[in-house]
């Protein structure tokens, strides 16, 4: 068995595609009217479609999962976030853990939690 994708729910597909393109460099692989597959295995599903599939309401900012990205030049990424044209809501701004990894946590436009950290050398 192989994990193929991670799906997150979004309110506005176009705004979310632009968010992930501009900040993370992801590209659209497949677009099917409310369901978009991007590079790196990220799938965006429109909220109305998802709620119909599961017959339940979406709970934004539920803090039960996060998307994790690694970035060597995290200071440049932090500046990119600061200058982003949409307001970014932070969980924690750029910080350094006791083991030396620098991380930043924030929400995407729909309350999906994202962490960006410097590469973990011992795990690569």
N, C-alpha and C. Protein backbone atom coordinates (compact mmCIF):
# COMPACT_ATOMS: atom_id res chain seq x y z
N UNK A 1 0.84 -1.17 0.00
CA UNK A 1 0.00 0.00 0.00
C UNK A 1 0.89 1.24 0.00
N UNK A 2 0.36 2.31 -0.59
CA UNK A 2 1.14 3.52 -0.73
C UNK A 2 0.23 4.73 -0.51
N UNK A 3 0.65 5.66 0.34
CA UNK A 3 -0.10 6.90 0.52
C UNK A 3 0.13 7.77 -0.71
N UNK A 4 -0.94 8.18 -1.37
CA UNK A 4 -0.83 8.93 -2.62
C UNK A 4 -1.01 10.44 -2.45
N UNK A 5 -1.95 10.85 -1.61
CA UNK A 5 -2.26 12.26 -1.49
C UNK A 5 -2.74 12.59 -0.08
N UNK A 6 -2.72 13.88 0.20
CA UNK A 6 -3.33 14.42 1.41
C UNK A 6 -4.34 15.47 0.93
N UNK A 7 -5.58 15.34 1.38
CA UNK A 7 -6.65 16.23 0.97
C UNK A 7 -6.95 17.22 2.08
N UNK A 8 -7.06 18.49 1.71
CA UNK A 8 -7.52 19.50 2.66
C UNK A 8 -8.72 20.22 2.05
N UNK A 9 -9.59 20.70 2.91
CA UNK A 9 -10.81 21.36 2.48
C UNK A 9 -10.59 22.86 2.44
N UNK A 10 -11.07 23.48 1.36
CA UNK A 10 -10.90 24.92 1.18
C UNK A 10 -12.21 25.55 0.73
N UNK A 11 -12.38 26.80 1.04
CA UNK A 11 -13.60 27.54 0.67
C UNK A 11 -13.55 27.98 -0.79
N UNK A 12 -12.43 28.52 -1.21
CA UNK A 12 -12.28 29.10 -2.55
C UNK A 12 -11.08 28.45 -3.23
N UNK A 13 -11.36 27.55 -4.16
CA UNK A 13 -10.30 26.78 -4.85
C UNK A 13 -9.28 27.70 -5.49
N UNK A 14 -9.72 28.71 -6.23
CA UNK A 14 -8.78 29.58 -6.94
C UNK A 14 -7.84 30.29 -5.96
N UNK A 15 -8.39 30.87 -4.90
CA UNK A 15 -7.54 31.56 -3.92
C UNK A 15 -6.56 30.58 -3.26
N UNK A 16 -7.01 29.37 -3.00
CA UNK A 16 -6.15 28.39 -2.36
C UNK A 16 -5.06 27.90 -3.31
N UNK A 17 -5.40 27.69 -4.57
CA UNK A 17 -4.39 27.30 -5.56
C UNK A 17 -3.33 28.40 -5.64
N UNK A 18 -3.77 29.65 -5.72
CA UNK A 18 -2.82 30.77 -5.78
C UNK A 18 -1.94 30.81 -4.53
N UNK A 19 -2.52 30.59 -3.35
CA UNK A 19 -1.78 30.58 -2.08
C UNK A 19 -0.66 29.54 -2.12
N UNK A 20 -0.98 28.32 -2.51
CA UNK A 20 0.02 27.25 -2.52
C UNK A 20 1.03 27.41 -3.66
N UNK A 21 0.62 28.01 -4.75
CA UNK A 21 1.57 28.31 -5.84
C UNK A 21 2.56 29.39 -5.40
N UNK A 22 2.02 30.51 -4.91
CA UNK A 22 2.86 31.66 -4.57
C UNK A 22 3.81 31.39 -3.42
N UNK A 23 3.32 30.76 -2.37
CA UNK A 23 4.16 30.56 -1.18
C UNK A 23 5.03 29.31 -1.24
N UNK A 24 4.55 28.25 -1.87
CA UNK A 24 5.25 26.97 -1.81
C UNK A 24 5.74 26.46 -3.17
N UNK A 25 5.35 27.14 -4.23
CA UNK A 25 5.80 26.73 -5.57
C UNK A 25 5.10 25.50 -6.11
N UNK A 26 3.97 25.10 -5.51
CA UNK A 26 3.24 23.93 -6.00
C UNK A 26 2.53 24.28 -7.30
N UNK A 27 2.34 23.29 -8.14
CA UNK A 27 1.68 23.47 -9.43
C UNK A 27 0.46 22.54 -9.52
N UNK A 28 -0.50 22.94 -10.30
CA UNK A 28 -1.71 22.13 -10.52
C UNK A 28 -1.38 21.00 -11.50
N UNK A 29 -1.70 19.78 -11.10
CA UNK A 29 -1.55 18.61 -11.95
C UNK A 29 -2.88 18.29 -12.63
N UNK A 30 -3.97 18.45 -11.87
CA UNK A 30 -5.29 18.08 -12.37
C UNK A 30 -6.32 18.97 -11.71
N UNK A 31 -7.25 19.48 -12.49
CA UNK A 31 -8.30 20.37 -11.99
C UNK A 31 -9.64 19.84 -12.48
N UNK A 32 -10.48 19.45 -11.53
CA UNK A 32 -11.78 18.88 -11.90
C UNK A 32 -12.90 19.60 -11.14
N UNK A 33 -13.05 20.89 -11.41
CA UNK A 33 -14.20 21.66 -10.92
C UNK A 33 -14.48 21.42 -9.43
N UNK A 34 -13.65 21.98 -8.58
CA UNK A 34 -13.84 21.84 -7.14
C UNK A 34 -12.94 20.82 -6.50
N UNK A 35 -12.13 20.16 -7.29
CA UNK A 35 -11.19 19.16 -6.79
C UNK A 35 -9.89 19.34 -7.57
N UNK A 36 -8.82 19.77 -6.90
CA UNK A 36 -7.56 20.07 -7.57
C UNK A 36 -6.45 19.25 -6.95
N UNK A 37 -5.68 18.57 -7.79
CA UNK A 37 -4.48 17.87 -7.33
C UNK A 37 -3.29 18.72 -7.70
N UNK A 38 -2.44 18.98 -6.70
CA UNK A 38 -1.24 19.78 -6.91
C UNK A 38 -0.01 18.89 -6.74
N UNK A 39 1.14 19.41 -7.15
CA UNK A 39 2.39 18.68 -6.96
C UNK A 39 2.61 18.45 -5.47
N UNK A 40 3.49 17.53 -5.15
CA UNK A 40 3.81 17.14 -3.78
C UNK A 40 2.66 16.39 -3.09
N UNK A 41 1.63 16.01 -3.86
CA UNK A 41 0.56 15.19 -3.31
C UNK A 41 -0.52 15.93 -2.56
N UNK A 42 -0.59 17.24 -2.72
CA UNK A 42 -1.62 18.02 -2.04
C UNK A 42 -2.88 18.09 -2.90
N UNK A 43 -4.02 17.73 -2.30
CA UNK A 43 -5.31 17.81 -2.98
C UNK A 43 -6.16 18.86 -2.26
N UNK A 44 -6.74 19.76 -3.03
CA UNK A 44 -7.66 20.76 -2.50
C UNK A 44 -9.07 20.36 -2.90
N UNK A 45 -9.96 20.30 -1.92
CA UNK A 45 -11.36 19.93 -2.18
C UNK A 45 -12.23 21.09 -1.71
N UNK A 46 -13.14 21.53 -2.56
CA UNK A 46 -14.03 22.62 -2.21
C UNK A 46 -14.93 22.20 -1.05
N UNK A 47 -15.09 23.09 -0.09
CA UNK A 47 -15.83 22.82 1.14
C UNK A 47 -17.24 22.27 0.89
N UNK A 48 -18.00 22.90 0.00
CA UNK A 48 -19.39 22.47 -0.25
C UNK A 48 -19.44 21.04 -0.76
N UNK A 49 -18.51 20.68 -1.62
CA UNK A 49 -18.46 19.32 -2.15
C UNK A 49 -18.11 18.32 -1.04
N UNK A 50 -17.10 18.67 -0.24
CA UNK A 50 -16.65 17.79 0.84
C UNK A 50 -17.76 17.56 1.86
N UNK A 51 -18.43 18.64 2.26
CA UNK A 51 -19.50 18.49 3.25
C UNK A 51 -20.64 17.62 2.72
N UNK A 52 -20.89 17.70 1.43
CA UNK A 52 -21.92 16.84 0.84
C UNK A 52 -21.47 15.37 0.86
N UNK A 53 -20.18 15.12 0.55
CA UNK A 53 -19.66 13.74 0.56
C UNK A 53 -19.76 13.11 1.95
N UNK A 54 -19.35 13.86 2.96
CA UNK A 54 -19.27 13.26 4.31
C UNK A 54 -20.51 13.53 5.16
N UNK A 55 -21.42 14.37 4.67
CA UNK A 55 -22.66 14.71 5.38
C UNK A 55 -22.38 15.24 6.79
N UNK A 56 -21.34 16.08 6.88
CA UNK A 56 -20.96 16.72 8.14
C UNK A 56 -20.35 18.08 7.83
N UNK A 57 -20.38 18.96 8.82
CA UNK A 57 -19.78 20.29 8.65
C UNK A 57 -18.26 20.21 8.84
N UNK A 58 -17.57 21.03 8.08
CA UNK A 58 -16.12 21.17 8.23
C UNK A 58 -15.84 22.03 9.46
N UNK A 59 -14.82 21.66 10.21
CA UNK A 59 -14.43 22.41 11.40
C UNK A 59 -13.04 23.00 11.17
N UNK A 60 -12.99 24.28 10.74
CA UNK A 60 -11.67 24.88 10.51
C UNK A 60 -10.90 25.07 11.81
N UNK A 61 -9.59 25.14 11.70
CA UNK A 61 -8.69 25.33 12.86
C UNK A 61 -8.95 24.29 13.93
N UNK A 62 -9.09 23.03 13.52
CA UNK A 62 -9.36 21.98 14.50
C UNK A 62 -8.10 21.45 15.16
N UNK A 63 -6.95 21.86 14.69
CA UNK A 63 -5.65 21.56 15.30
C UNK A 63 -5.36 20.07 15.42
N UNK A 64 -5.96 19.26 14.57
CA UNK A 64 -5.71 17.82 14.66
C UNK A 64 -4.73 17.32 13.62
N UNK A 65 -4.27 18.21 12.74
CA UNK A 65 -3.29 17.82 11.74
C UNK A 65 -2.59 19.08 11.22
N UNK A 66 -1.49 18.86 10.51
CA UNK A 66 -0.81 19.99 9.87
C UNK A 66 -0.11 19.51 8.62
N UNK A 67 0.08 20.42 7.70
CA UNK A 67 0.92 20.17 6.54
C UNK A 67 2.32 20.61 6.93
N UNK A 68 3.32 19.79 6.65
CA UNK A 68 4.70 20.09 7.03
C UNK A 68 5.56 20.22 5.78
N UNK A 69 6.23 21.35 5.68
CA UNK A 69 7.14 21.62 4.57
C UNK A 69 8.52 21.91 5.15
N UNK A 70 9.56 21.61 4.38
CA UNK A 70 10.92 21.97 4.79
C UNK A 70 11.47 23.02 3.83
N UNK A 71 12.23 23.96 4.41
CA UNK A 71 12.81 25.06 3.64
C UNK A 71 14.16 25.41 4.25
N UNK A 72 15.21 25.33 3.45
CA UNK A 72 16.57 25.65 3.93
C UNK A 72 16.71 27.12 4.29
N UNK A 73 16.17 28.00 3.45
CA UNK A 73 16.27 29.44 3.70
C UNK A 73 14.99 29.93 4.36
N UNK A 74 14.81 29.53 5.60
CA UNK A 74 13.54 29.82 6.29
C UNK A 74 13.36 31.30 6.60
N UNK A 75 14.46 32.03 6.75
CA UNK A 75 14.35 33.47 7.00
C UNK A 75 13.73 34.16 5.77
N UNK A 76 14.15 33.75 4.57
CA UNK A 76 13.57 34.31 3.35
C UNK A 76 12.09 33.93 3.24
N UNK A 77 11.75 32.70 3.63
CA UNK A 77 10.35 32.28 3.60
C UNK A 77 9.53 33.10 4.59
N UNK A 78 10.07 33.36 5.77
CA UNK A 78 9.36 34.17 6.77
C UNK A 78 9.08 35.57 6.22
N UNK A 79 10.04 36.14 5.50
CA UNK A 79 9.83 37.46 4.88
C UNK A 79 8.75 37.38 3.80
N UNK A 80 8.75 36.29 3.05
CA UNK A 80 7.74 36.08 2.01
C UNK A 80 6.34 36.05 2.65
N UNK A 81 6.22 35.38 3.78
CA UNK A 81 4.94 35.35 4.50
C UNK A 81 4.53 36.75 4.96
N UNK A 82 5.48 37.48 5.51
CA UNK A 82 5.20 38.84 6.00
C UNK A 82 4.70 39.74 4.89
N UNK A 83 5.19 39.53 3.67
CA UNK A 83 4.84 40.38 2.53
C UNK A 83 3.70 39.82 1.68
N UNK A 84 3.13 38.70 2.09
CA UNK A 84 2.06 38.09 1.30
C UNK A 84 0.85 39.02 1.26
N UNK A 85 0.16 39.07 0.14
CA UNK A 85 -0.94 40.01 -0.06
C UNK A 85 -2.19 39.70 0.75
N UNK A 86 -2.30 38.51 1.30
CA UNK A 86 -3.40 38.16 2.21
C UNK A 86 -2.82 38.14 3.62
N UNK A 87 -3.65 38.45 4.62
CA UNK A 87 -3.17 38.42 6.00
C UNK A 87 -2.91 36.98 6.43
N UNK A 88 -1.74 36.76 7.00
CA UNK A 88 -1.36 35.44 7.51
C UNK A 88 -1.62 35.41 9.00
N UNK A 89 -2.31 34.38 9.46
CA UNK A 89 -2.56 34.22 10.89
C UNK A 89 -1.56 33.19 11.43
N UNK A 90 -0.72 33.64 12.33
CA UNK A 90 0.37 32.82 12.86
C UNK A 90 -0.05 32.06 14.11
N UNK A 91 0.48 30.85 14.25
CA UNK A 91 0.43 30.11 15.50
C UNK A 91 1.70 30.45 16.27
N UNK A 92 2.84 30.38 15.59
CA UNK A 92 4.09 30.92 16.13
C UNK A 92 4.93 31.46 14.99
N UNK A 93 5.50 32.60 15.21
CA UNK A 93 6.40 33.17 14.22
C UNK A 93 7.71 32.40 14.27
N UNK A 94 8.65 32.78 13.42
CA UNK A 94 9.90 32.05 13.32
C UNK A 94 10.55 31.89 14.69
N UNK A 95 10.86 30.64 15.03
CA UNK A 95 11.48 30.32 16.32
C UNK A 95 12.47 29.19 16.11
N UNK A 96 13.30 28.95 17.11
CA UNK A 96 14.26 27.85 17.03
C UNK A 96 14.04 26.91 18.20
N UNK A 97 13.90 25.62 17.89
CA UNK A 97 13.76 24.60 18.93
C UNK A 97 15.11 24.34 19.60
N UNK A 98 15.09 23.71 20.74
CA UNK A 98 16.32 23.41 21.49
C UNK A 98 17.28 22.52 20.70
N UNK A 99 16.75 21.73 19.75
CA UNK A 99 17.61 20.85 18.95
C UNK A 99 18.16 21.54 17.69
N UNK A 100 17.84 22.84 17.54
CA UNK A 100 18.44 23.62 16.47
C UNK A 100 17.58 23.82 15.23
N UNK A 101 16.45 23.16 15.14
CA UNK A 101 15.59 23.34 13.98
C UNK A 101 14.78 24.64 14.13
N UNK A 102 14.74 25.43 13.06
CA UNK A 102 13.93 26.64 13.03
C UNK A 102 12.60 26.29 12.37
N UNK A 103 11.50 26.81 12.95
CA UNK A 103 10.16 26.53 12.44
C UNK A 103 9.28 27.76 12.53
N UNK A 104 8.26 27.74 11.71
CA UNK A 104 7.21 28.75 11.73
C UNK A 104 5.89 28.02 11.49
N UNK A 105 4.85 28.38 12.25
CA UNK A 105 3.53 27.74 12.08
C UNK A 105 2.48 28.81 11.84
N UNK A 106 1.58 28.51 10.91
CA UNK A 106 0.53 29.46 10.56
C UNK A 106 -0.60 28.70 9.89
N UNK A 107 -1.70 29.40 9.65
CA UNK A 107 -2.85 28.81 8.97
C UNK A 107 -2.88 29.24 7.51
N UNK A 108 -3.37 28.36 6.66
CA UNK A 108 -3.65 28.79 5.29
C UNK A 108 -4.93 29.62 5.33
N UNK A 109 -5.45 29.99 4.20
CA UNK A 109 -6.60 30.88 4.12
C UNK A 109 -7.88 30.26 4.69
N UNK A 110 -7.88 28.93 4.89
CA UNK A 110 -9.07 28.23 5.37
C UNK A 110 -8.89 27.60 6.75
N UNK A 111 -7.82 27.95 7.44
CA UNK A 111 -7.61 27.44 8.79
C UNK A 111 -6.93 26.09 8.85
N UNK A 112 -6.32 25.65 7.75
CA UNK A 112 -5.52 24.42 7.78
C UNK A 112 -4.14 24.79 8.31
N UNK A 113 -3.68 24.08 9.31
CA UNK A 113 -2.42 24.37 9.97
C UNK A 113 -1.23 23.94 9.11
N UNK A 114 -0.24 24.82 9.01
CA UNK A 114 0.97 24.56 8.23
C UNK A 114 2.18 24.82 9.11
N UNK A 115 3.16 23.95 9.02
CA UNK A 115 4.46 24.16 9.65
C UNK A 115 5.51 24.14 8.56
N UNK A 116 6.43 25.09 8.61
CA UNK A 116 7.58 25.10 7.73
C UNK A 116 8.79 25.09 8.64
N UNK A 117 9.69 24.14 8.39
CA UNK A 117 10.89 24.02 9.22
C UNK A 117 12.13 23.82 8.37
N UNK A 118 13.25 24.10 8.99
CA UNK A 118 14.51 23.81 8.31
C UNK A 118 14.68 22.29 8.26
N UNK A 119 15.38 21.78 7.25
CA UNK A 119 15.53 20.33 7.11
C UNK A 119 16.13 19.69 8.36
N UNK A 120 15.61 18.53 8.69
CA UNK A 120 16.11 17.74 9.80
C UNK A 120 17.23 16.86 9.26
N UNK A 121 18.46 17.26 9.46
CA UNK A 121 19.63 16.58 8.88
C UNK A 121 19.73 15.11 9.26
N UNK A 122 19.39 14.80 10.50
CA UNK A 122 19.52 13.42 10.97
C UNK A 122 18.45 12.48 10.41
N UNK A 123 17.37 13.05 9.88
CA UNK A 123 16.28 12.22 9.38
C UNK A 123 16.29 12.06 7.86
N UNK A 124 17.11 12.82 7.18
CA UNK A 124 17.08 12.79 5.70
C UNK A 124 17.69 11.54 5.16
